[in-house]
Amino acid sequence: MMILELYIFVLAAFVGFMVITKVPPLLHTPLMSATNAISGISLVGSLVAAGGKHGQVATILGFVAVVCATANIVGGFLITDRMLKMFKRDVPASHAASKQ
């Protein structure tokens, strides 16, 4: 059973790597929000793997997956927020004062 879990882990890592490398740089930022949603799903799956009583190896790999998915989600939201701030228009001080 442990060999099957390790096989699934390696296959998922390979597929994830292949999917990410095929995204052109131009589309990377707009797709970040959708990628964060997918990472959220993988975070739930990794929590199930880490919390299930399937053995010590599955728990360790699940914990590593939880850490990686969490870092991916947090980093993705930080990058998306930074990119959105780049497209925000600066409001002149005289215009902002007249709105209040």
PDB file of N, CA and C in Angstrom:
ATOM      1  N   MET A   1       0.817  -1.190   0.000  1.00  0.00           N
ATOM      2  CA  MET A   1       0.000   0.000   0.000  1.00  0.00           C
ATOM      3  C   MET A   1       0.866   1.261   0.000  1.00  0.00           C
ATOM      4  N   MET A   2       2.001   1.210   0.709  1.00  0.00           N
ATOM      5  CA  MET A   2       2.880   2.360   0.763  1.00  0.00           C
ATOM      6  C   MET A   2       3.470   2.674  -0.615  1.00  0.00           C
ATOM      7  N   ILE A   3       3.749   1.658  -1.403  1.00  0.00           N
ATOM      8  CA  ILE A   3       4.288   1.860  -2.750  1.00  0.00           C
ATOM      9  C   ILE A   3       3.263   2.592  -3.621  1.00  0.00           C
ATOM     10  N   LEU A   4       1.990   2.242  -3.478  1.00  0.00           N
ATOM     11  CA  LEU A   4       0.935   2.904  -4.243  1.00  0.00           C
ATOM     12  C   LEU A   4       0.835   4.381  -3.862  1.00  0.00           C
ATOM     13  N   GLU A   5       0.901   4.705  -2.576  1.00  0.00           N
ATOM     14  CA  GLU A   5       0.839   6.095  -2.132  1.00  0.00           C
ATOM     15  C   GLU A   5       2.046   6.879  -2.622  1.00  0.00           C
ATOM     16  N   LEU A   6       3.208   6.279  -2.580  1.00  0.00           N
ATOM     17  CA  LEU A   6       4.413   6.941  -3.082  1.00  0.00           C
ATOM     18  C   LEU A   6       4.337   7.148  -4.595  1.00  0.00           C
ATOM     19  N   TYR A   7       3.798   6.177  -5.310  1.00  0.00           N
ATOM     20  CA  TYR A   7       3.606   6.286  -6.754  1.00  0.00           C
ATOM     21  C   TYR A   7       2.666   7.444  -7.088  1.00  0.00           C
ATOM     22  N   ILE A   8       1.571   7.566  -6.352  1.00  0.00           N
ATOM     23  CA  ILE A   8       0.614   8.659  -6.584  1.00  0.00           C
ATOM     24  C   ILE A   8       1.270  10.006  -6.296  1.00  0.00           C
ATOM     25  N   PHE A   9       2.052  10.078  -5.234  1.00  0.00           N
ATOM     26  CA  PHE A   9       2.747  11.318  -4.878  1.00  0.00           C
ATOM     27  C   PHE A   9       3.704  11.745  -5.982  1.00  0.00           C
ATOM     28  N   VAL A  10       4.511  10.816  -6.467  1.00  0.00           N
ATOM     29  CA  VAL A  10       5.488  11.128  -7.519  1.00  0.00           C
ATOM     30  C   VAL A  10       4.774  11.508  -8.812  1.00  0.00           C
ATOM     31  N   LEU A  11       3.717  10.794  -9.151  1.00  0.00           N
ATOM     32  CA  LEU A  11       2.954  11.108 -10.360  1.00  0.00           C
ATOM     33  C   LEU A  11       2.316  12.486 -10.263  1.00  0.00           C
ATOM     34  N   ALA A  12       1.749  12.827  -9.105  1.00  0.00           N
ATOM     35  CA  ALA A  12       1.139  14.150  -8.923  1.00  0.00           C
ATOM     36  C   ALA A  12       2.188  15.249  -9.015  1.00  0.00           C
ATOM     37  N   ALA A  13       3.365  15.023  -8.454  1.00  0.00           N
ATOM     38  CA  ALA A  13       4.435  16.013  -8.542  1.00  0.00           C
ATOM     39  C   ALA A  13       4.878  16.213  -9.991  1.00  0.00           C
ATOM     40  N   PHE A  14       4.999  15.134 -10.738  1.00  0.00           N
ATOM     41  CA  PHE A  14       5.399  15.225 -12.142  1.00  0.00           C
ATOM     42  C   PHE A  14       4.348  15.957 -12.974  1.00  0.00           C
ATOM     43  N   VAL A  15       3.088  15.604 -12.800  1.00  0.00           N
ATOM     44  CA  VAL A  15       2.012  16.258 -13.560  1.00  0.00           C
ATOM     45  C   VAL A  15       1.945  17.741 -13.205  1.00  0.00           C
ATOM     46  N   GLY A  16       2.055  18.076 -11.913  1.00  0.00           N
ATOM     47  CA  GLY A  16       2.036  19.476 -11.501  1.00  0.00           C
ATOM     48  C   GLY A  16       3.179  20.262 -12.111  1.00  0.00           C
ATOM     49  N   PHE A  17       4.368  19.679 -12.125  1.00  0.00           N
ATOM     50  CA  PHE A  17       5.520  20.348 -12.725  1.00  0.00           C
ATOM     51  C   PHE A  17       5.314  20.575 -14.220  1.00  0.00           C
ATOM     52  N   MET A  18       4.792  19.571 -14.912  1.00  0.00           N
ATOM     53  CA  MET A  18       4.565  19.698 -16.354  1.00  0.00           C
ATOM     54  C   MET A  18       3.503  20.752 -16.670  1.00  0.00           C
ATOM     55  N   VAL A  19       2.459  20.817 -15.868  1.00  0.00           N
ATOM     56  CA  VAL A  19       1.400  21.809 -16.098  1.00  0.00           C
ATOM     57  C   VAL A  19       1.934  23.219 -15.886  1.00  0.00           C
ATOM     58  N   ILE A  20       2.681  23.426 -14.822  1.00  0.00           N
ATOM     59  CA  ILE A  20       3.192  24.763 -14.512  1.00  0.00           C
ATOM     60  C   ILE A  20       4.203  25.232 -15.554  1.00  0.00           C
ATOM     61  N   THR A  21       5.052  24.346 -16.039  1.00  0.00           N
ATOM     62  CA  THR A  21       6.067  24.769 -17.006  1.00  0.00           C
ATOM     63  C   THR A  21       5.474  25.064 -18.375  1.00  0.00           C
ATOM     64  N   LYS A  22       4.276  24.592 -18.660  1.00  0.00           N
ATOM     65  CA  LYS A  22       3.663  24.831 -19.968  1.00  0.00           C
ATOM     66  C   LYS A  22       2.904  26.155 -20.028  1.00  0.00           C
ATOM     67  N   VAL A  23       2.743  26.849 -18.908  1.00  0.00           N
ATOM     68  CA  VAL A  23       2.036  28.132 -18.904  1.00  0.00           C
ATOM     69  C   VAL A  23       2.992  29.217 -19.372  1.00  0.00           C
ATOM     70  N   PRO A  24       2.609  29.973 -20.431  1.00  0.00           N
ATOM     71  CA  PRO A  24       3.486  31.050 -20.897  1.00  0.00           C
ATOM     72  C   PRO A  24       3.595  32.163 -19.840  1.00  0.00           C
ATOM     73  N   PRO A  25       4.729  32.854 -19.780  1.00  0.00           N
ATOM     74  CA  PRO A  25       4.904  33.915 -18.781  1.00  0.00           C
ATOM     75  C   PRO A  25       3.840  35.015 -18.875  1.00  0.00           C
ATOM     76  N   LEU A  26       3.348  35.290 -20.063  1.00  0.00           N
ATOM     77  CA  LEU A  26       2.343  36.336 -20.241  1.00  0.00           C
ATOM     78  C   LEU A  26       1.043  35.994 -19.519  1.00  0.00           C
ATOM     79  N   LEU A  27       0.708  34.719 -19.457  1.00  0.00           N
ATOM     80  CA  LEU A  27      -0.536  34.301 -18.814  1.00  0.00           C
ATOM     81  C   LEU A  27      -0.371  33.945 -17.342  1.00  0.00           C
ATOM     82  N   HIS A  28       0.847  34.005 -16.846  1.00  0.00           N
ATOM     83  CA  HIS A  28       1.091  33.525 -15.486  1.00  0.00           C
ATOM     84  C   HIS A  28       0.335  34.340 -14.437  1.00  0.00           C
ATOM     85  N   THR A  29       0.388  35.663 -14.518  1.00  0.00           N
ATOM     86  CA  THR A  29      -0.250  36.494 -13.492  1.00  0.00           C
ATOM     87  C   THR A  29      -1.768  36.411 -13.527  1.00  0.00           C
ATOM     88  N   PRO A  30      -2.424  36.497 -14.694  1.00  0.00           N
ATOM     89  CA  PRO A  30      -3.893  36.374 -14.681  1.00  0.00           C
ATOM     90  C   PRO A  30      -4.386  35.017 -14.191  1.00  0.00           C
ATOM     91  N   LEU A  31      -3.601  33.990 -14.370  1.00  0.00           N
ATOM     92  CA  LEU A  31      -4.016  32.664 -13.931  1.00  0.00           C
ATOM     93  C   LEU A  31      -3.699  32.394 -12.461  1.00  0.00           C
ATOM     94  N   MET A  32      -3.046  33.354 -11.796  1.00  0.00           N
ATOM     95  CA  MET A  32      -2.622  33.129 -10.418  1.00  0.00           C
ATOM     96  C   MET A  32      -3.803  32.891  -9.487  1.00  0.00           C
ATOM     97  N   SER A  33      -4.902  33.616  -9.675  1.00  0.00           N
ATOM     98  CA  SER A  33      -6.056  33.443  -8.797  1.00  0.00           C
ATOM     99  C   SER A  33      -6.664  32.055  -8.964  1.00  0.00           C
ATOM    100  N   ALA A  34      -6.756  31.584 -10.190  1.00  0.00           N
ATOM    101  CA  ALA A  34      -7.272  30.232 -10.421  1.00  0.00           C
ATOM    102  C   ALA A  34      -6.317  29.191  -9.851  1.00  0.00           C
ATOM    103  N   THR A  35      -5.039  29.456  -9.949  1.00  0.00           N
ATOM    104  CA  THR A  35      -4.054  28.537  -9.391  1.00  0.00           C
ATOM    105  C   THR A  35      -4.158  28.495  -7.870  1.00  0.00           C
ATOM    106  N   ASN A  36      -4.473  29.629  -7.249  1.00  0.00           N
ATOM    107  CA  ASN A  36      -4.659  29.646  -5.799  1.00  0.00           C
ATOM    108  C   ASN A  36      -5.842  28.782  -5.393  1.00  0.00           C
ATOM    109  N   ALA A  37      -6.899  28.794  -6.193  1.00  0.00           N
ATOM    110  CA  ALA A  37      -8.047  27.934  -5.889  1.00  0.00           C
ATOM    111  C   ALA A  37      -7.667  26.458  -6.001  1.00  0.00           C
ATOM    112  N   ILE A  38      -6.900  26.126  -7.017  1.00  0.00           N
ATOM    113  CA  ILE A  38      -6.445  24.739  -7.179  1.00  0.00           C
ATOM    114  C   ILE A  38      -5.526  24.352  -6.025  1.00  0.00           C
ATOM    115  N   SER A  39      -4.674  25.280  -5.597  1.00  0.00           N
ATOM    116  CA  SER A  39      -3.798  25.001  -4.464  1.00  0.00           C
ATOM    117  C   SER A  39      -4.606  24.806  -3.189  1.00  0.00           C
ATOM    118  N   GLY A  40      -5.713  25.513  -3.074  1.00  0.00           N
ATOM    119  CA  GLY A  40      -6.591  25.311  -1.926  1.00  0.00           C
ATOM    120  C   GLY A  40      -7.163  23.909  -1.900  1.00  0.00           C
ATOM    121  N   ILE A  41      -7.508  23.401  -3.062  1.00  0.00           N
ATOM    122  CA  ILE A  41      -8.008  22.026  -3.146  1.00  0.00           C
ATOM    123  C   ILE A  41      -6.909  21.039  -2.776  1.00  0.00           C
ATOM    124  N   SER A  42      -5.699  21.289  -3.272  1.00  0.00           N
ATOM    125  CA  SER A  42      -4.598  20.382  -2.920  1.00  0.00           C
ATOM    126  C   SER A  42      -4.229  20.503  -1.445  1.00  0.00           C
ATOM    127  N   LEU A  43      -4.455  21.667  -0.845  1.00  0.00           N
ATOM    128  CA  LEU A  43      -4.224  21.809   0.595  1.00  0.00           C
ATOM    129  C   LEU A  43      -5.195  20.938   1.380  1.00  0.00           C
ATOM    130  N   VAL A  44      -6.452  20.920   0.957  1.00  0.00           N
ATOM    131  CA  VAL A  44      -7.433  20.059   1.631  1.00  0.00           C
ATOM    132  C   VAL A  44      -7.033  18.591   1.482  1.00  0.00           C
ATOM    133  N   GLY A  45      -6.618  18.200   0.296  1.00  0.00           N
ATOM    134  CA  GLY A  45      -6.183  16.822   0.080  1.00  0.00           C
ATOM    135  C   GLY A  45      -4.962  16.461   0.900  1.00  0.00           C
ATOM    136  N   SER A  46      -4.031  17.394   1.014  1.00  0.00           N
ATOM    137  CA  SER A  46      -2.833  17.111   1.796  1.00  0.00           C
ATOM    138  C   SER A  46      -3.139  17.054   3.285  1.00  0.00           C
ATOM    139  N   LEU A  47      -4.123  17.821   3.742  1.00  0.00           N
ATOM    140  CA  LEU A  47      -4.550  17.726   5.146  1.00  0.00           C
ATOM    141  C   LEU A  47      -5.166  16.362   5.433  1.00  0.00           C
ATOM    142  N   VAL A  48      -5.937  15.863   4.462  1.00  0.00           N
ATOM    143  CA  VAL A  48      -6.513  14.526   4.620  1.00  0.00           C
ATOM    144  C   VAL A  48      -5.409  13.478   4.667  1.00  0.00           C
ATOM    145  N   ALA A  49      -4.411  13.625   3.796  1.00  0.00           N
ATOM    146  CA  ALA A  49      -3.304  12.666   3.777  1.00  0.00           C
ATOM    147  C   ALA A  49      -2.483  12.733   5.059  1.00  0.00           C
ATOM    148  N   ALA A  50      -2.255  13.945   5.558  1.00  0.00           N
ATOM    149  CA  ALA A  50      -1.451  14.094   6.769  1.00  0.00           C
ATOM    150  C   ALA A  50      -2.211  13.629   8.007  1.00  0.00           C
ATOM    151  N   GLY A  51      -3.512  13.843   8.022  1.00  0.00           N
ATOM    152  CA  GLY A  51      -4.306  13.500   9.193  1.00  0.00           C
ATOM    153  C   GLY A  51      -4.795  12.071   9.225  1.00  0.00           C
ATOM    154  N   GLY A  52      -4.783  11.406   8.072  1.00  0.00           N
ATOM    155  CA  GLY A  52      -5.227  10.017   8.025  1.00  0.00           C
ATOM    156  C   GLY A  52      -4.213   9.098   8.674  1.00  0.00           C
ATOM    157  N   LYS A  53      -4.672   8.034   9.195  1.00  0.00           N
ATOM    158  CA  LYS A  53      -3.768   7.077   9.856  1.00  0.00           C
ATOM    159  C   LYS A  53      -3.382   5.994   8.860  1.00  0.00           C
ATOM    160  N   HIS A  54      -2.590   6.423   7.842  1.00  0.00           N
ATOM    161  CA  HIS A  54      -2.162   5.499   6.788  1.00  0.00           C
ATOM    162  C   HIS A  54      -0.714   5.083   6.943  1.00  0.00           C
ATOM    163  N   GLY A  55      -0.086   5.491   8.019  1.00  0.00           N
ATOM    164  CA  GLY A  55       1.315   5.149   8.234  1.00  0.00           C
ATOM    165  C   GLY A  55       2.155   6.391   8.405  1.00  0.00           C
ATOM    166  N   GLN A  56       3.348   6.188   8.892  1.00  0.00           N
ATOM    167  CA  GLN A  56       4.226   7.311   9.191  1.00  0.00           C
ATOM    168  C   GLN A  56       4.719   8.008   7.921  1.00  0.00           C
ATOM    169  N   VAL A  57       4.999   7.258   6.875  1.00  0.00           N
ATOM    170  CA  VAL A  57       5.474   7.861   5.620  1.00  0.00           C
ATOM    171  C   VAL A  57       4.394   8.744   5.010  1.00  0.00           C
ATOM    172  N   ALA A  58       3.146   8.277   5.014  1.00  0.00           N
ATOM    173  CA  ALA A  58       2.039   9.071   4.474  1.00  0.00           C
ATOM    174  C   ALA A  58       1.835  10.338   5.289  1.00  0.00           C
ATOM    175  N   THR A  59       1.999  10.248   6.593  1.00  0.00           N
ATOM    176  CA  THR A  59       1.853  11.433   7.440  1.00  0.00           C
ATOM    177  C   THR A  59       2.958  12.446   7.153  1.00  0.00           C
ATOM    178  N   ILE A  60       4.180  11.977   6.995  1.00  0.00           N
ATOM    179  CA  ILE A  60       5.296  12.884   6.702  1.00  0.00           C
ATOM    180  C   ILE A  60       5.124  13.528   5.328  1.00  0.00           C
ATOM    181  N   LEU A  61       4.789  12.725   4.324  1.00  0.00           N
ATOM    182  CA  LEU A  61       4.568  13.284   2.986  1.00  0.00           C
ATOM    183  C   LEU A  61       3.369  14.226   2.977  1.00  0.00           C
ATOM    184  N   GLY A  62       2.342  13.895   3.739  1.00  0.00           N
ATOM    185  CA  GLY A  62       1.180  14.785   3.856  1.00  0.00           C
ATOM    186  C   GLY A  62       1.556  16.107   4.489  1.00  0.00           C
ATOM    187  N   PHE A  63       2.406  16.060   5.524  1.00  0.00           N
ATOM    188  CA  PHE A  63       2.868  17.287   6.168  1.00  0.00           C
ATOM    189  C   PHE A  63       3.678  18.138   5.197  1.00  0.00           C
ATOM    190  N   VAL A  64       4.563  17.511   4.443  1.00  0.00           N
ATOM    191  CA  VAL A  64       5.354  18.246   3.438  1.00  0.00           C
ATOM    192  C   VAL A  64       4.411  18.876   2.402  1.00  0.00           C
ATOM    193  N   ALA A  65       3.381  18.137   2.001  1.00  0.00           N
ATOM    194  CA  ALA A  65       2.414  18.672   1.038  1.00  0.00           C
ATOM    195  C   ALA A  65       1.633  19.842   1.629  1.00  0.00           C
ATOM    196  N   VAL A  66       1.291  19.764   2.911  1.00  0.00           N
ATOM    197  CA  VAL A  66       0.586  20.873   3.570  1.00  0.00           C
ATOM    198  C   VAL A  66       1.459  22.121   3.567  1.00  0.00           C
ATOM    199  N   VAL A  67       2.730  21.972   3.907  1.00  0.00           N
ATOM    200  CA  VAL A  67       3.642  23.118   3.935  1.00  0.00           C
ATOM    201  C   VAL A  67       3.810  23.714   2.541  1.00  0.00           C
ATOM    202  N   CYS A  68       3.984  22.880   1.539  1.00  0.00           N
ATOM    203  CA  CYS A  68       4.173  23.368   0.161  1.00  0.00           C
ATOM    204  C   CYS A  68       2.913  24.050  -0.366  1.00  0.00           C
ATOM    205  N   ALA A  69       1.751  23.449  -0.143  1.00  0.00           N
ATOM    206  CA  ALA A  69       0.498  24.044  -0.623  1.00  0.00           C
ATOM    207  C   ALA A  69       0.212  25.359   0.080  1.00  0.00           C
ATOM    208  N   THR A  70       0.490  25.414   1.373  1.00  0.00           N
ATOM    209  CA  THR A  70       0.272  26.663   2.109  1.00  0.00           C
ATOM    210  C   THR A  70       1.199  27.760   1.600  1.00  0.00           C
ATOM    211  N   ALA A  71       2.452  27.439   1.388  1.00  0.00           N
ATOM    212  CA  ALA A  71       3.394  28.428   0.859  1.00  0.00           C
ATOM    213  C   ALA A  71       2.970  28.884  -0.534  1.00  0.00           C
ATOM    214  N   ASN A  72       2.465  27.975  -1.331  1.00  0.00           N
ATOM    215  CA  ASN A  72       2.004  28.318  -2.677  1.00  0.00           C
ATOM    216  C   ASN A  72       0.809  29.258  -2.631  1.00  0.00           C
ATOM    217  N   ILE A  73      -0.127  28.991  -1.743  1.00  0.00           N
ATOM    218  CA  ILE A  73      -1.314  29.833  -1.637  1.00  0.00           C
ATOM    219  C   ILE A  73      -0.948  31.229  -1.139  1.00  0.00           C
ATOM    220  N   VAL A  74      -0.181  31.304  -0.068  1.00  0.00           N
ATOM    221  CA  VAL A  74       0.192  32.599   0.495  1.00  0.00           C
ATOM    222  C   VAL A  74       1.025  33.399  -0.510  1.00  0.00           C
ATOM    223  N   GLY A  75       2.003  32.764  -1.119  1.00  0.00           N
ATOM    224  CA  GLY A  75       2.813  33.452  -2.116  1.00  0.00           C
ATOM    225  C   GLY A  75       2.004  33.903  -3.315  1.00  0.00           C
ATOM    226  N   GLY A  76       1.066  33.070  -3.735  1.00  0.00           N
ATOM    227  CA  GLY A  76       0.214  33.440  -4.869  1.00  0.00           C
ATOM    228  C   GLY A  76      -0.639  34.656  -4.582  1.00  0.00           C
ATOM    229  N   PHE A  77      -1.216  34.709  -3.385  1.00  0.00           N
ATOM    230  CA  PHE A  77      -2.033  35.868  -3.035  1.00  0.00           C
ATOM    231  C   PHE A  77      -1.176  37.122  -2.888  1.00  0.00           C
ATOM    232  N   LEU A  78       0.017  36.995  -2.347  1.00  0.00           N
ATOM    233  CA  LEU A  78       0.896  38.156  -2.221  1.00  0.00           C
ATOM    234  C   LEU A  78       1.305  38.689  -3.599  1.00  0.00           C
ATOM    235  N   ILE A  79       1.629  37.789  -4.504  1.00  0.00           N
ATOM    236  CA  ILE A  79       2.013  38.213  -5.858  1.00  0.00           C
ATOM    237  C   ILE A  79       0.832  38.828  -6.590  1.00  0.00           C
ATOM    238  N   THR A  80      -0.344  38.219  -6.462  1.00  0.00           N
ATOM    239  CA  THR A  80      -1.533  38.769  -7.117  1.00  0.00           C
ATOM    240  C   THR A  80      -1.844  40.155  -6.582  1.00  0.00           C
ATOM    241  N   ASP A  81      -1.765  40.331  -5.265  1.00  0.00           N
ATOM    242  CA  ASP A  81      -2.023  41.640  -4.667  1.00  0.00           C
ATOM    243  C   ASP A  81      -1.013  42.675  -5.162  1.00  0.00           C
ATOM    244  N   ARG A  82       0.230  42.285  -5.252  1.00  0.00           N
ATOM    245  CA  ARG A  82       1.269  43.202  -5.735  1.00  0.00           C
ATOM    246  C   ARG A  82       1.035  43.594  -7.191  1.00  0.00           C
ATOM    247  N   MET A  83       0.633  42.613  -8.005  1.00  0.00           N
ATOM    248  CA  MET A  83       0.372  42.913  -9.415  1.00  0.00           C
ATOM    249  C   MET A  83      -0.842  43.826  -9.572  1.00  0.00           C
ATOM    250  N   LEU A  84      -1.873  43.607  -8.766  1.00  0.00           N
ATOM    251  CA  LEU A  84      -3.061  44.463  -8.853  1.00  0.00           C
ATOM    252  C   LEU A  84      -2.744  45.891  -8.424  1.00  0.00           C
ATOM    253  N   LYS A  85      -1.847  46.058  -7.465  1.00  0.00           N
ATOM    254  CA  LYS A  85      -1.441  47.409  -7.047  1.00  0.00           C
ATOM    255  C   LYS A  85      -0.701  48.132  -8.159  1.00  0.00           C
ATOM    256  N   MET A  86      -0.047  47.403  -9.045  1.00  0.00           N
ATOM    257  CA  MET A  86       0.661  48.030 -10.161  1.00  0.00           C
ATOM    258  C   MET A  86      -0.309  48.663 -11.142  1.00  0.00           C
ATOM    259  N   PHE A  87      -1.521  48.123 -11.240  1.00  0.00           N
ATOM    260  CA  PHE A  87      -2.497  48.642 -12.195  1.00  0.00           C
ATOM    261  C   PHE A  87      -3.447  49.654 -11.573  1.00  0.00           C
ATOM    262  N   LYS A  88      -3.274  49.955 -10.297  1.00  0.00           N
ATOM    263  CA  LYS A  88      -4.126  50.913  -9.621  1.00  0.00           C
ATOM    264  C   LYS A  88      -3.714  52.319 -10.019  1.00  0.00           C
ATOM    265  N   ARG A  89      -4.699  53.147 -10.305  1.00  0.00           N
ATOM    266  CA  ARG A  89      -4.415  54.518 -10.691  1.00  0.00           C
ATOM    267  C   ARG A  89      -4.140  55.350  -9.453  1.00  0.00           C
ATOM    268  N   ASP A  90      -3.172  56.249  -9.582  1.00  0.00           N
ATOM    269  CA  ASP A  90      -2.888  57.188  -8.507  1.00  0.00           C
ATOM    270  C   ASP A  90      -3.865  58.348  -8.618  1.00  0.00           C
ATOM    271  N   VAL A  91      -4.539  58.670  -7.517  1.00  0.00           N
ATOM    272  CA  VAL A  91      -5.486  59.777  -7.499  1.00  0.00           C
ATOM    273  C   VAL A  91      -4.728  61.021  -7.053  1.00  0.00           C
ATOM    274  N   PRO A  92      -4.795  62.114  -7.853  1.00  0.00           N
ATOM    275  CA  PRO A  92      -4.112  63.350  -7.440  1.00  0.00           C
ATOM    276  C   PRO A  92      -4.673  63.859  -6.112  1.00  0.00           C
ATOM    277  N   ALA A  93      -3.842  64.547  -5.332  1.00  0.00           N
ATOM    278  CA  ALA A  93      -4.249  65.007  -3.999  1.00  0.00           C
ATOM    279  C   ALA A  93      -5.412  65.990  -4.078  1.00  0.00           C
ATOM    280  N   SER A  94      -5.430  66.866  -5.075  1.00  0.00           N
ATOM    281  CA  SER A  94      -6.518  67.850  -5.188  1.00  0.00           C
ATOM    282  C   SER A  94      -7.844  67.164  -5.513  1.00  0.00           C
ATOM    283  N   HIS A  95      -7.778  66.100  -6.323  1.00  0.00           N
ATOM    284  CA  HIS A  95      -8.996  65.359  -6.680  1.00  0.00           C
ATOM    285  C   HIS A  95      -9.507  64.553  -5.496  1.00  0.00           C
ATOM    286  N   ALA A  96      -8.606  63.985  -4.718  1.00  0.00           N
ATOM    287  CA  ALA A  96      -9.008  63.186  -3.557  1.00  0.00           C
ATOM    288  C   ALA A  96      -9.627  64.080  -2.485  1.00  0.00           C
ATOM    289  N   ALA A  97      -9.121  65.308  -2.312  1.00  0.00           N
ATOM    290  CA  ALA A  97      -9.661  66.211  -1.307  1.00  0.00           C
ATOM    291  C   ALA A  97     -11.052  66.692  -1.687  1.00  0.00           C
ATOM    292  N   SER A  98     -11.311  66.848  -2.991  1.00  0.00           N
ATOM    293  CA  SER A  98     -12.632  67.326  -3.419  1.00  0.00           C
ATOM    294  C   SER A  98     -13.698  66.251  -3.274  1.00  0.00           C
ATOM    295  N   LYS A  99     -13.312  64.985  -3.261  1.00  0.00           N
ATOM    296  CA  LYS A  99     -14.282  63.900  -3.095  1.00  0.00           C
ATOM    297  C   LYS A  99     -14.768  63.787  -1.654  1.00  0.00           C
ATOM    298  N   GLN A 100     -13.956  64.266  -0.704  1.00  0.00           N
ATOM    299  CA  GLN A 100     -14.332  64.143   0.707  1.00  0.00           C
ATOM    300  C   GLN A 100     -15.207  65.241   1.079  1.00  0.00           C
TER     301      GLN A 100
END
